[in-house]
């Protein structure tokens, strides 16, 4: 991973708190860069089983490689069903 010194003036605005937006915000924050994340929907804090859906998130080999590069995913075999 590319390391650099964050400046006091570095600020990033991320629109969207999905998987990519949250991951980007987290990675930037790890570099001591101020991040503001804007999400359209209010996050659900109490999930009921009725709130689950059949939607899935697919991770291709490139995404898995990036997640490993940033030490977010350490065991890709754990993704196997």
N, C-alpha and C. Protein backbone atom coordinates (compact mmCIF):
# COMPACT_ATOMS: atom_id res chain seq x y z
N UNK A 1 0.85 -1.18 0.00
CA UNK A 1 0.00 0.00 0.00
C UNK A 1 0.89 1.23 0.00
N UNK A 2 0.46 2.22 -0.75
CA UNK A 2 1.19 3.47 -0.83
C UNK A 2 1.01 4.26 0.45
N UNK A 3 2.10 4.60 1.08
CA UNK A 3 2.05 5.39 2.31
C UNK A 3 2.50 6.82 2.01
N UNK A 4 1.88 7.77 2.66
CA UNK A 4 2.29 9.15 2.50
C UNK A 4 1.92 9.90 3.76
N UNK A 5 2.51 11.07 3.89
CA UNK A 5 2.20 11.92 5.02
C UNK A 5 0.98 12.76 4.67
N UNK A 6 -0.05 12.68 5.50
CA UNK A 6 -1.24 13.50 5.28
C UNK A 6 -0.96 14.92 5.73
N UNK A 7 -1.47 15.85 4.97
CA UNK A 7 -1.36 17.26 5.34
C UNK A 7 -2.54 17.64 6.21
N UNK A 8 -2.38 18.66 7.03
CA UNK A 8 -3.49 19.13 7.87
C UNK A 8 -4.66 19.61 7.03
N UNK A 9 -4.40 19.97 5.79
CA UNK A 9 -5.46 20.51 4.94
C UNK A 9 -6.14 19.44 4.10
N UNK A 10 -5.67 18.19 4.14
CA UNK A 10 -6.28 17.13 3.35
C UNK A 10 -7.68 16.84 3.86
N UNK A 11 -8.65 16.96 2.98
CA UNK A 11 -10.04 16.65 3.32
C UNK A 11 -10.67 15.96 2.12
N UNK A 12 -11.43 14.93 2.38
CA UNK A 12 -12.08 14.18 1.31
C UNK A 12 -13.57 14.11 1.61
N UNK A 13 -14.40 14.29 0.58
CA UNK A 13 -15.84 14.13 0.68
C UNK A 13 -16.22 12.91 -0.14
N UNK A 14 -16.89 11.96 0.49
CA UNK A 14 -17.34 10.75 -0.19
C UNK A 14 -18.86 10.75 -0.17
N UNK A 15 -19.44 10.57 -1.35
CA UNK A 15 -20.88 10.50 -1.48
C UNK A 15 -21.27 9.04 -1.61
N UNK A 16 -22.00 8.52 -0.64
CA UNK A 16 -22.48 7.14 -0.67
C UNK A 16 -21.79 6.28 0.36
N UNK A 17 -22.58 5.70 1.23
CA UNK A 17 -22.05 4.87 2.30
C UNK A 17 -22.24 3.38 2.07
N UNK A 18 -22.15 2.97 0.81
CA UNK A 18 -22.20 1.54 0.50
C UNK A 18 -20.85 0.90 0.79
N UNK A 19 -20.67 -0.31 0.29
CA UNK A 19 -19.41 -1.03 0.53
C UNK A 19 -18.19 -0.25 0.07
N UNK A 20 -18.27 0.33 -1.10
CA UNK A 20 -17.11 1.04 -1.66
C UNK A 20 -16.87 2.35 -0.91
N UNK A 21 -17.93 3.12 -0.67
CA UNK A 21 -17.78 4.39 0.03
C UNK A 21 -17.24 4.22 1.44
N UNK A 22 -17.79 3.24 2.16
CA UNK A 22 -17.32 3.00 3.53
C UNK A 22 -15.88 2.50 3.55
N UNK A 23 -15.55 1.64 2.60
CA UNK A 23 -14.17 1.12 2.53
C UNK A 23 -13.20 2.25 2.21
N UNK A 24 -13.57 3.09 1.24
CA UNK A 24 -12.70 4.22 0.89
C UNK A 24 -12.53 5.16 2.09
N UNK A 25 -13.62 5.44 2.79
CA UNK A 25 -13.55 6.33 3.95
C UNK A 25 -12.65 5.74 5.02
N UNK A 26 -12.79 4.46 5.26
CA UNK A 26 -11.98 3.79 6.29
C UNK A 26 -10.49 3.81 5.91
N UNK A 27 -10.19 3.51 4.64
CA UNK A 27 -8.79 3.49 4.20
C UNK A 27 -8.17 4.89 4.29
N UNK A 28 -8.92 5.91 3.90
CA UNK A 28 -8.40 7.28 4.00
C UNK A 28 -8.19 7.69 5.45
N UNK A 29 -9.14 7.32 6.31
CA UNK A 29 -9.01 7.66 7.73
C UNK A 29 -7.77 6.98 8.33
N UNK A 30 -7.43 5.79 7.84
CA UNK A 30 -6.22 5.11 8.31
C UNK A 30 -4.96 5.89 7.95
N UNK A 31 -5.06 6.75 6.94
CA UNK A 31 -3.94 7.59 6.51
C UNK A 31 -3.99 8.96 7.19
N UNK A 32 -4.85 9.10 8.21
CA UNK A 32 -5.02 10.37 8.94
C UNK A 32 -5.52 11.49 8.03
N UNK A 33 -6.37 11.14 7.09
CA UNK A 33 -7.00 12.12 6.21
C UNK A 33 -8.43 12.32 6.69
N UNK A 34 -8.83 13.58 6.85
CA UNK A 34 -10.18 13.90 7.29
C UNK A 34 -11.18 13.50 6.20
N UNK A 35 -12.18 12.73 6.57
CA UNK A 35 -13.16 12.23 5.62
C UNK A 35 -14.56 12.62 6.10
N UNK A 36 -15.35 13.14 5.16
CA UNK A 36 -16.78 13.35 5.42
C UNK A 36 -17.53 12.43 4.48
N UNK A 37 -18.41 11.62 5.03
CA UNK A 37 -19.18 10.67 4.23
C UNK A 37 -20.65 11.09 4.27
N UNK A 38 -21.25 11.22 3.09
CA UNK A 38 -22.66 11.60 3.00
C UNK A 38 -23.44 10.42 2.45
N UNK A 39 -24.47 10.02 3.18
CA UNK A 39 -25.33 8.90 2.77
C UNK A 39 -26.76 9.41 2.71
N UNK A 40 -27.45 9.04 1.66
CA UNK A 40 -28.83 9.49 1.46
C UNK A 40 -29.78 8.93 2.50
N UNK A 41 -29.59 7.68 2.87
CA UNK A 41 -30.53 7.02 3.78
C UNK A 41 -30.01 7.03 5.21
N UNK A 42 -30.92 7.11 6.15
CA UNK A 42 -30.56 6.98 7.56
C UNK A 42 -30.19 5.52 7.81
N UNK A 43 -29.05 5.27 8.46
CA UNK A 43 -28.67 3.87 8.69
C UNK A 43 -29.62 3.19 9.66
N UNK A 44 -29.88 1.94 9.39
CA UNK A 44 -30.71 1.14 10.29
C UNK A 44 -29.83 0.63 11.42
N UNK A 45 -30.25 0.85 12.63
CA UNK A 45 -29.46 0.40 13.77
C UNK A 45 -30.05 -0.85 14.42
N UNK A 46 -31.30 -1.11 14.15
CA UNK A 46 -31.97 -2.30 14.69
C UNK A 46 -32.57 -3.09 13.54
N UNK A 47 -31.92 -4.19 13.18
CA UNK A 47 -32.41 -4.99 12.05
C UNK A 47 -33.29 -6.11 12.55
N UNK A 48 -34.40 -6.28 11.91
CA UNK A 48 -35.25 -7.43 12.19
C UNK A 48 -35.01 -8.44 11.08
N UNK A 49 -35.38 -9.69 11.31
CA UNK A 49 -35.19 -10.71 10.28
C UNK A 49 -36.04 -10.40 9.06
N UNK A 50 -37.13 -9.65 9.21
CA UNK A 50 -37.97 -9.28 8.08
C UNK A 50 -37.26 -8.28 7.16
N UNK A 51 -36.24 -7.62 7.64
CA UNK A 51 -35.53 -6.61 6.85
C UNK A 51 -34.52 -7.22 5.89
N UNK A 52 -34.22 -8.52 6.02
CA UNK A 52 -33.24 -9.15 5.14
C UNK A 52 -33.84 -9.37 3.76
N UNK A 53 -33.00 -9.30 2.75
CA UNK A 53 -33.45 -9.55 1.39
C UNK A 53 -32.48 -10.53 0.73
N UNK A 54 -32.79 -10.88 -0.50
CA UNK A 54 -31.96 -11.84 -1.24
C UNK A 54 -30.80 -11.15 -1.95
N UNK A 55 -30.63 -9.84 -1.73
CA UNK A 55 -29.53 -9.13 -2.39
C UNK A 55 -28.19 -9.64 -1.87
N UNK A 56 -27.24 -9.72 -2.78
CA UNK A 56 -25.89 -10.16 -2.40
C UNK A 56 -24.87 -9.19 -2.98
N UNK A 57 -23.70 -9.23 -2.47
CA UNK A 57 -22.59 -8.45 -3.01
C UNK A 57 -21.57 -9.41 -3.57
N UNK A 58 -21.26 -9.26 -4.84
CA UNK A 58 -20.30 -10.14 -5.49
C UNK A 58 -18.91 -9.52 -5.42
N UNK A 59 -17.95 -10.33 -5.08
CA UNK A 59 -16.56 -9.88 -5.03
C UNK A 59 -15.78 -10.65 -6.09
N UNK A 60 -15.28 -9.93 -7.08
CA UNK A 60 -14.47 -10.61 -8.09
C UNK A 60 -13.02 -10.70 -7.60
N UNK A 61 -12.19 -11.36 -8.39
CA UNK A 61 -10.80 -11.59 -7.97
C UNK A 61 -10.05 -10.28 -7.74
N UNK A 62 -10.33 -9.25 -8.53
CA UNK A 62 -9.64 -7.97 -8.37
C UNK A 62 -10.02 -7.31 -7.04
N UNK A 63 -11.30 -7.35 -6.68
CA UNK A 63 -11.75 -6.77 -5.42
C UNK A 63 -11.14 -7.53 -4.25
N UNK A 64 -11.14 -8.85 -4.32
CA UNK A 64 -10.54 -9.66 -3.25
C UNK A 64 -9.06 -9.31 -3.09
N UNK A 65 -8.36 -9.14 -4.22
CA UNK A 65 -6.95 -8.78 -4.18
C UNK A 65 -6.74 -7.44 -3.48
N UNK A 66 -7.58 -6.46 -3.80
CA UNK A 66 -7.47 -5.14 -3.17
C UNK A 66 -7.77 -5.22 -1.67
N UNK A 67 -8.78 -5.96 -1.30
CA UNK A 67 -9.11 -6.10 0.12
C UNK A 67 -7.96 -6.76 0.88
N UNK A 68 -7.30 -7.71 0.25
CA UNK A 68 -6.14 -8.33 0.88
C UNK A 68 -4.98 -7.33 0.97
N UNK A 69 -4.80 -6.54 -0.07
CA UNK A 69 -3.71 -5.56 -0.10
C UNK A 69 -3.82 -4.59 1.07
N UNK A 70 -5.03 -4.22 1.44
CA UNK A 70 -5.23 -3.28 2.54
C UNK A 70 -5.51 -3.97 3.87
N UNK A 71 -5.25 -5.27 3.93
CA UNK A 71 -5.45 -6.07 5.16
C UNK A 71 -6.88 -6.00 5.69
N UNK A 72 -7.84 -5.85 4.78
CA UNK A 72 -9.24 -5.87 5.18
C UNK A 72 -9.75 -7.32 5.16
N UNK A 73 -9.28 -8.07 4.19
CA UNK A 73 -9.66 -9.47 4.05
C UNK A 73 -8.38 -10.29 4.17
N UNK A 74 -8.27 -11.06 5.23
CA UNK A 74 -7.06 -11.83 5.43
C UNK A 74 -7.22 -13.30 5.06
N UNK A 75 -8.46 -13.78 4.95
CA UNK A 75 -8.69 -15.18 4.64
C UNK A 75 -9.77 -15.30 3.56
N UNK A 76 -9.38 -15.23 2.27
CA UNK A 76 -10.37 -15.29 1.21
C UNK A 76 -11.15 -16.60 1.20
N UNK A 77 -10.57 -17.67 1.75
CA UNK A 77 -11.27 -18.94 1.79
C UNK A 77 -12.53 -18.85 2.67
N UNK A 78 -12.56 -17.88 3.58
CA UNK A 78 -13.73 -17.72 4.43
C UNK A 78 -14.95 -17.22 3.65
N UNK A 79 -14.73 -16.76 2.42
CA UNK A 79 -15.84 -16.28 1.60
C UNK A 79 -16.58 -17.42 0.92
N UNK A 80 -15.97 -18.60 0.89
CA UNK A 80 -16.59 -19.74 0.24
C UNK A 80 -17.82 -20.18 1.00
N UNK A 81 -18.87 -20.50 0.25
CA UNK A 81 -20.13 -20.97 0.88
C UNK A 81 -20.01 -22.41 1.32
